[in-house]
Amino acid sequence: MTDQVASNPNFAAPIEDAGVYERSFLQETPAGDFVILTFKGDDPKADFAKIMGNMPAEFAKFAKIVQ
């Protein structure tokens, strides 16, 4: 998935199309690292639904792997 994000400049298009502002933070801990994503928009529920509805088909496969 990381390769896809790096090689596809349009990967963030669903987030941009929803009119949402995204921020990401890397949290490094002794137990491992993780990323915190925050999204800011006018209608969080509708914005999130729009983002998920416009994600590439490959994202669904990735989401199943990481659950």
PDB file of N, CA and C in Angstrom:
ATOM      1  N   MET A   1       0.833  -1.193   0.000  1.00  0.00           N
ATOM      2  CA  MET A   1       0.000   0.000   0.000  1.00  0.00           C
ATOM      3  C   MET A   1       0.871   1.247   0.000  1.00  0.00           C
ATOM      4  N   THR A   2       1.957   1.215   0.737  1.00  0.00           N
ATOM      5  CA  THR A   2       2.853   2.362   0.782  1.00  0.00           C
ATOM      6  C   THR A   2       3.407   2.686  -0.592  1.00  0.00           C
ATOM      7  N   ASP A   3       3.744   1.648  -1.351  1.00  0.00           N
ATOM      8  CA  ASP A   3       4.235   1.857  -2.713  1.00  0.00           C
ATOM      9  C   ASP A   3       3.182   2.543  -3.575  1.00  0.00           C
ATOM     10  N   GLN A   4       1.932   2.150  -3.394  1.00  0.00           N
ATOM     11  CA  GLN A   4       0.856   2.745  -4.188  1.00  0.00           C
ATOM     12  C   GLN A   4       0.708   4.233  -3.874  1.00  0.00           C
ATOM     13  N   VAL A   5       0.776   4.573  -2.611  1.00  0.00           N
ATOM     14  CA  VAL A   5       0.653   5.982  -2.222  1.00  0.00           C
ATOM     15  C   VAL A   5       1.796   6.790  -2.814  1.00  0.00           C
ATOM     16  N   ALA A   6       3.003   6.241  -2.734  1.00  0.00           N
ATOM     17  CA  ALA A   6       4.169   6.960  -3.237  1.00  0.00           C
ATOM     18  C   ALA A   6       4.161   7.097  -4.749  1.00  0.00           C
ATOM     19  N   SER A   7       3.622   6.096  -5.452  1.00  0.00           N
ATOM     20  CA  SER A   7       3.676   6.112  -6.916  1.00  0.00           C
ATOM     21  C   SER A   7       2.429   6.713  -7.567  1.00  0.00           C
ATOM     22  N   ASN A   8       1.383   6.961  -6.809  1.00  0.00           N
ATOM     23  CA  ASN A   8       0.132   7.454  -7.375  1.00  0.00           C
ATOM     24  C   ASN A   8      -0.196   8.833  -6.799  1.00  0.00           C
ATOM     25  N   PRO A   9       0.054   9.883  -7.553  1.00  0.00           N
ATOM     26  CA  PRO A   9      -0.215  11.230  -7.024  1.00  0.00           C
ATOM     27  C   PRO A   9      -1.700  11.499  -6.794  1.00  0.00           C
ATOM     28  N   ASN A  10      -2.580  10.673  -7.349  1.00  0.00           N
ATOM     29  CA  ASN A  10      -4.017  10.864  -7.186  1.00  0.00           C
ATOM     30  C   ASN A  10      -4.590  10.084  -6.006  1.00  0.00           C
ATOM     31  N   PHE A  11      -3.732   9.418  -5.232  1.00  0.00           N
ATOM     32  CA  PHE A  11      -4.234   8.593  -4.132  1.00  0.00           C
ATOM     33  C   PHE A  11      -5.040   9.417  -3.133  1.00  0.00           C
ATOM     34  N   ALA A  12      -4.658  10.652  -2.903  1.00  0.00           N
ATOM     35  CA  ALA A  12      -5.354  11.508  -1.936  1.00  0.00           C
ATOM     36  C   ALA A  12      -6.595  12.185  -2.520  1.00  0.00           C
ATOM     37  N   ALA A  13      -6.896  11.920  -3.767  1.00  0.00           N
ATOM     38  CA  ALA A  13      -8.032  12.582  -4.429  1.00  0.00           C
ATOM     39  C   ALA A  13      -9.353  12.431  -3.683  1.00  0.00           C
ATOM     40  N   PRO A  14      -9.711  11.233  -3.148  1.00  0.00           N
ATOM     41  CA  PRO A  14     -10.991  11.147  -2.433  1.00  0.00           C
ATOM     42  C   PRO A  14     -11.077  12.092  -1.238  1.00  0.00           C
ATOM     43  N   ILE A  15      -9.973  12.296  -0.557  1.00  0.00           N
ATOM     44  CA  ILE A  15      -9.974  13.207   0.592  1.00  0.00           C
ATOM     45  C   ILE A  15     -10.114  14.648   0.112  1.00  0.00           C
ATOM     46  N   GLU A  16      -9.381  14.988  -0.924  1.00  0.00           N
ATOM     47  CA  GLU A  16      -9.466  16.342  -1.469  1.00  0.00           C
ATOM     48  C   GLU A  16     -10.847  16.617  -2.043  1.00  0.00           C
ATOM     49  N   ASP A  17     -11.440  15.619  -2.721  1.00  0.00           N
ATOM     50  CA  ASP A  17     -12.775  15.788  -3.317  1.00  0.00           C
ATOM     51  C   ASP A  17     -13.855  15.996  -2.259  1.00  0.00           C
ATOM     52  N   ALA A  18     -13.647  15.440  -1.071  1.00  0.00           N
ATOM     53  CA  ALA A  18     -14.633  15.608   0.006  1.00  0.00           C
ATOM     54  C   ALA A  18     -14.523  16.978   0.658  1.00  0.00           C
ATOM     55  N   GLY A  19     -13.486  17.743   0.312  1.00  0.00           N
ATOM     56  CA  GLY A  19     -13.314  19.067   0.897  1.00  0.00           C
ATOM     57  C   GLY A  19     -12.878  19.012   2.353  1.00  0.00           C
ATOM     58  N   VAL A  20     -12.147  17.956   2.690  1.00  0.00           N
ATOM     59  CA  VAL A  20     -11.722  17.737   4.068  1.00  0.00           C
ATOM     60  C   VAL A  20     -10.244  18.086   4.204  1.00  0.00           C
ATOM     61  N   TYR A  21      -9.887  18.648   5.344  1.00  0.00           N
ATOM     62  CA  TYR A  21      -8.495  18.952   5.649  1.00  0.00           C
ATOM     63  C   TYR A  21      -7.929  17.792   6.461  1.00  0.00           C
ATOM     64  N   GLU A  22      -6.824  17.225   6.008  1.00  0.00           N
ATOM     65  CA  GLU A  22      -6.209  16.083   6.681  1.00  0.00           C
ATOM     66  C   GLU A  22      -4.877  16.480   7.303  1.00  0.00           C
ATOM     67  N   ARG A  23      -4.639  15.977   8.515  1.00  0.00           N
ATOM     68  CA  ARG A  23      -3.331  16.127   9.156  1.00  0.00           C
ATOM     69  C   ARG A  23      -2.886  14.742   9.613  1.00  0.00           C
ATOM     70  N   SER A  24      -1.594  14.508   9.586  1.00  0.00           N
ATOM     71  CA  SER A  24      -1.076  13.226  10.072  1.00  0.00           C
ATOM     72  C   SER A  24       0.083  13.478  11.027  1.00  0.00           C
ATOM     73  N   PHE A  25       0.159  12.626  12.021  1.00  0.00           N
ATOM     74  CA  PHE A  25       1.197  12.715  13.041  1.00  0.00           C
ATOM     75  C   PHE A  25       1.813  11.343  13.232  1.00  0.00           C
ATOM     76  N   LEU A  26       3.126  11.263  13.237  1.00  0.00           N
ATOM     77  CA  LEU A  26       3.825  10.014  13.520  1.00  0.00           C
ATOM     78  C   LEU A  26       4.115   9.961  15.010  1.00  0.00           C
ATOM     79  N   GLN A  27       3.617   8.923  15.668  1.00  0.00           N
ATOM     80  CA  GLN A  27       3.871   8.727  17.091  1.00  0.00           C
ATOM     81  C   GLN A  27       4.847   7.569  17.239  1.00  0.00           C
ATOM     82  N   GLU A  28       6.042   7.879  17.686  1.00  0.00           N
ATOM     83  CA  GLU A  28       7.065   6.856  17.864  1.00  0.00           C
ATOM     84  C   GLU A  28       7.095   6.444  19.333  1.00  0.00           C
ATOM     85  N   THR A  29       6.989   5.143  19.582  1.00  0.00           N
ATOM     86  CA  THR A  29       7.015   4.627  20.945  1.00  0.00           C
ATOM     87  C   THR A  29       7.982   3.453  21.020  1.00  0.00           C
ATOM     88  N   PRO A  30       8.415   3.082  22.200  1.00  0.00           N
ATOM     89  CA  PRO A  30       9.287   1.918  22.340  1.00  0.00           C
ATOM     90  C   PRO A  30       8.620   0.625  21.859  1.00  0.00           C
ATOM     91  N   ALA A  31       7.297   0.562  21.959  1.00  0.00           N
ATOM     92  CA  ALA A  31       6.577  -0.640  21.545  1.00  0.00           C
ATOM     93  C   ALA A  31       6.306  -0.693  20.043  1.00  0.00           C
ATOM     94  N   GLY A  32       6.539   0.387  19.345  1.00  0.00           N
ATOM     95  CA  GLY A  32       6.281   0.457  17.910  1.00  0.00           C
ATOM     96  C   GLY A  32       5.732   1.817  17.538  1.00  0.00           C
ATOM     97  N   ASP A  33       5.732   2.096  16.270  1.00  0.00           N
ATOM     98  CA  ASP A  33       5.280   3.399  15.778  1.00  0.00           C
ATOM     99  C   ASP A  33       3.878   3.283  15.183  1.00  0.00           C
ATOM    100  N   PHE A  34       3.138   4.388  15.225  1.00  0.00           N
ATOM    101  CA  PHE A  34       1.833   4.429  14.569  1.00  0.00           C
ATOM    102  C   PHE A  34       1.552   5.853  14.103  1.00  0.00           C
ATOM    103  N   VAL A  35       0.609   5.955  13.192  1.00  0.00           N
ATOM    104  CA  VAL A  35       0.254   7.246  12.623  1.00  0.00           C
ATOM    105  C   VAL A  35      -1.144   7.624  13.090  1.00  0.00           C
ATOM    106  N   ILE A  36      -1.285   8.857  13.499  1.00  0.00           N
ATOM    107  CA  ILE A  36      -2.584   9.407  13.873  1.00  0.00           C
ATOM    108  C   ILE A  36      -3.029  10.313  12.733  1.00  0.00           C
ATOM    109  N   LEU A  37      -4.206  10.040  12.186  1.00  0.00           N
ATOM    110  CA  LEU A  37      -4.775  10.876  11.124  1.00  0.00           C
ATOM    111  C   LEU A  37      -5.950  11.644  11.684  1.00  0.00           C
ATOM    112  N   THR A  38      -6.000  12.937  11.394  1.00  0.00           N
ATOM    113  CA  THR A  38      -7.153  13.746  11.779  1.00  0.00           C
ATOM    114  C   THR A  38      -7.740  14.363  10.514  1.00  0.00           C
ATOM    115  N   PHE A  39      -9.057  14.462  10.484  1.00  0.00           N
ATOM    116  CA  PHE A  39      -9.764  15.046   9.351  1.00  0.00           C
ATOM    117  C   PHE A  39     -10.692  16.133   9.881  1.00  0.00           C
ATOM    118  N   LYS A  40     -10.711  17.254   9.195  1.00  0.00           N
ATOM    119  CA  LYS A  40     -11.576  18.360   9.609  1.00  0.00           C
ATOM    120  C   LYS A  40     -12.455  18.742   8.427  1.00  0.00           C
ATOM    121  N   GLY A  41     -13.772  18.775   8.669  1.00  0.00           N
ATOM    122  CA  GLY A  41     -14.713  19.148   7.628  1.00  0.00           C
ATOM    123  C   GLY A  41     -16.005  19.662   8.240  1.00  0.00           C
ATOM    124  N   ASP A  42     -16.915  20.102   7.400  1.00  0.00           N
ATOM    125  CA  ASP A  42     -18.176  20.667   7.869  1.00  0.00           C
ATOM    126  C   ASP A  42     -19.129  19.618   8.432  1.00  0.00           C
ATOM    127  N   ASP A  43     -19.163  18.427   7.821  1.00  0.00           N
ATOM    128  CA  ASP A  43     -20.076  17.359   8.234  1.00  0.00           C
ATOM    129  C   ASP A  43     -19.271  16.065   8.305  1.00  0.00           C
ATOM    130  N   PRO A  44     -18.680  15.758   9.471  1.00  0.00           N
ATOM    131  CA  PRO A  44     -17.769  14.615   9.570  1.00  0.00           C
ATOM    132  C   PRO A  44     -18.358  13.298   9.074  1.00  0.00           C
ATOM    133  N   LYS A  45     -19.595  13.008   9.422  1.00  0.00           N
ATOM    134  CA  LYS A  45     -20.198  11.735   9.017  1.00  0.00           C
ATOM    135  C   LYS A  45     -20.335  11.651   7.496  1.00  0.00           C
ATOM    136  N   ALA A  46     -20.854  12.681   6.885  1.00  0.00           N
ATOM    137  CA  ALA A  46     -21.027  12.693   5.428  1.00  0.00           C
ATOM    138  C   ALA A  46     -19.676  12.749   4.720  1.00  0.00           C
ATOM    139  N   ASP A  47     -18.743  13.518   5.263  1.00  0.00           N
ATOM    140  CA  ASP A  47     -17.416  13.623   4.649  1.00  0.00           C
ATOM    141  C   ASP A  47     -16.702  12.278   4.663  1.00  0.00           C
ATOM    142  N   PHE A  48     -16.769  11.565   5.809  1.00  0.00           N
ATOM    143  CA  PHE A  48     -16.113  10.257   5.903  1.00  0.00           C
ATOM    144  C   PHE A  48     -16.759   9.264   4.942  1.00  0.00           C
ATOM    145  N   ALA A  49     -18.079   9.293   4.840  1.00  0.00           N
ATOM    146  CA  ALA A  49     -18.770   8.402   3.900  1.00  0.00           C
ATOM    147  C   ALA A  49     -18.338   8.697   2.467  1.00  0.00           C
ATOM    148  N   LYS A  50     -18.183   9.954   2.130  1.00  0.00           N
ATOM    149  CA  LYS A  50     -17.758  10.320   0.780  1.00  0.00           C
ATOM    150  C   LYS A  50     -16.331   9.845   0.514  1.00  0.00           C
ATOM    151  N   ILE A  51     -15.444  10.014   1.492  1.00  0.00           N
ATOM    152  CA  ILE A  51     -14.064   9.554   1.334  1.00  0.00           C
ATOM    153  C   ILE A  51     -14.038   8.048   1.098  1.00  0.00           C
ATOM    154  N   MET A  52     -14.717   7.283   1.944  1.00  0.00           N
ATOM    155  CA  MET A  52     -14.704   5.822   1.826  1.00  0.00           C
ATOM    156  C   MET A  52     -15.358   5.361   0.525  1.00  0.00           C
ATOM    157  N   GLY A  53     -16.393   6.052   0.095  1.00  0.00           N
ATOM    158  CA  GLY A  53     -17.068   5.685  -1.147  1.00  0.00           C
ATOM    159  C   GLY A  53     -16.245   5.949  -2.392  1.00  0.00           C
ATOM    160  N   ASN A  54     -15.251   6.837  -2.282  1.00  0.00           N
ATOM    161  CA  ASN A  54     -14.433   7.190  -3.445  1.00  0.00           C
ATOM    162  C   ASN A  54     -13.031   6.597  -3.415  1.00  0.00           C
ATOM    163  N   MET A  55     -12.748   5.752  -2.426  1.00  0.00           N
ATOM    164  CA  MET A  55     -11.418   5.143  -2.349  1.00  0.00           C
ATOM    165  C   MET A  55     -11.261   4.101  -3.456  1.00  0.00           C
ATOM    166  N   PRO A  56     -10.022   3.885  -3.925  1.00  0.00           N
ATOM    167  CA  PRO A  56      -9.779   2.865  -4.945  1.00  0.00           C
ATOM    168  C   PRO A  56     -10.157   1.476  -4.424  1.00  0.00           C
ATOM    169  N   ALA A  57     -10.498   0.581  -5.323  1.00  0.00           N
ATOM    170  CA  ALA A  57     -10.897  -0.779  -4.945  1.00  0.00           C
ATOM    171  C   ALA A  57      -9.797  -1.479  -4.150  1.00  0.00           C
ATOM    172  N   GLU A  58      -8.550  -1.169  -4.443  1.00  0.00           N
ATOM    173  CA  GLU A  58      -7.436  -1.798  -3.732  1.00  0.00           C
ATOM    174  C   GLU A  58      -7.453  -1.461  -2.250  1.00  0.00           C
ATOM    175  N   PHE A  59      -8.051  -0.323  -1.892  1.00  0.00           N
ATOM    176  CA  PHE A  59      -8.093   0.077  -0.489  1.00  0.00           C
ATOM    177  C   PHE A  59      -8.924  -0.897   0.332  1.00  0.00           C
ATOM    178  N   ALA A  60     -10.012  -1.396  -0.224  1.00  0.00           N
ATOM    179  CA  ALA A  60     -10.846  -2.357   0.509  1.00  0.00           C
ATOM    180  C   ALA A  60     -10.053  -3.615   0.847  1.00  0.00           C
ATOM    181  N   LYS A  61      -9.241  -4.068  -0.091  1.00  0.00           N
ATOM    182  CA  LYS A  61      -8.394  -5.245   0.156  1.00  0.00           C
ATOM    183  C   LYS A  61      -7.387  -4.928   1.254  1.00  0.00           C
ATOM    184  N   PHE A  62      -6.775  -3.770   1.206  1.00  0.00           N
ATOM    185  CA  PHE A  62      -5.825  -3.361   2.232  1.00  0.00           C
ATOM    186  C   PHE A  62      -6.509  -3.252   3.592  1.00  0.00           C
ATOM    187  N   ALA A  63      -7.692  -2.676   3.634  1.00  0.00           N
ATOM    188  CA  ALA A  63      -8.406  -2.488   4.898  1.00  0.00           C
ATOM    189  C   ALA A  63      -8.718  -3.825   5.564  1.00  0.00           C
ATOM    190  N   LYS A  64      -9.031  -4.853   4.786  1.00  0.00           N
ATOM    191  CA  LYS A  64      -9.288  -6.170   5.340  1.00  0.00           C
ATOM    192  C   LYS A  64      -8.026  -6.766   5.954  1.00  0.00           C
ATOM    193  N   ILE A  65      -6.889  -6.491   5.353  1.00  0.00           N
ATOM    194  CA  ILE A  65      -5.627  -7.046   5.843  1.00  0.00           C
ATOM    195  C   ILE A  65      -5.263  -6.450   7.195  1.00  0.00           C
ATOM    196  N   VAL A  66      -5.480  -5.165   7.374  1.00  0.00           N
ATOM    197  CA  VAL A  66      -5.027  -4.491   8.587  1.00  0.00           C
ATOM    198  C   VAL A  66      -6.023  -4.546   9.737  1.00  0.00           C
ATOM    199  N   GLN A  67      -7.197  -5.106   9.533  1.00  0.00           N
ATOM    200  CA  GLN A  67      -8.188  -5.173  10.617  1.00  0.00           C
ATOM    201  C   GLN A  67      -7.777  -6.152  11.677  1.00  0.00           C
TER     202      GLN A  67
END
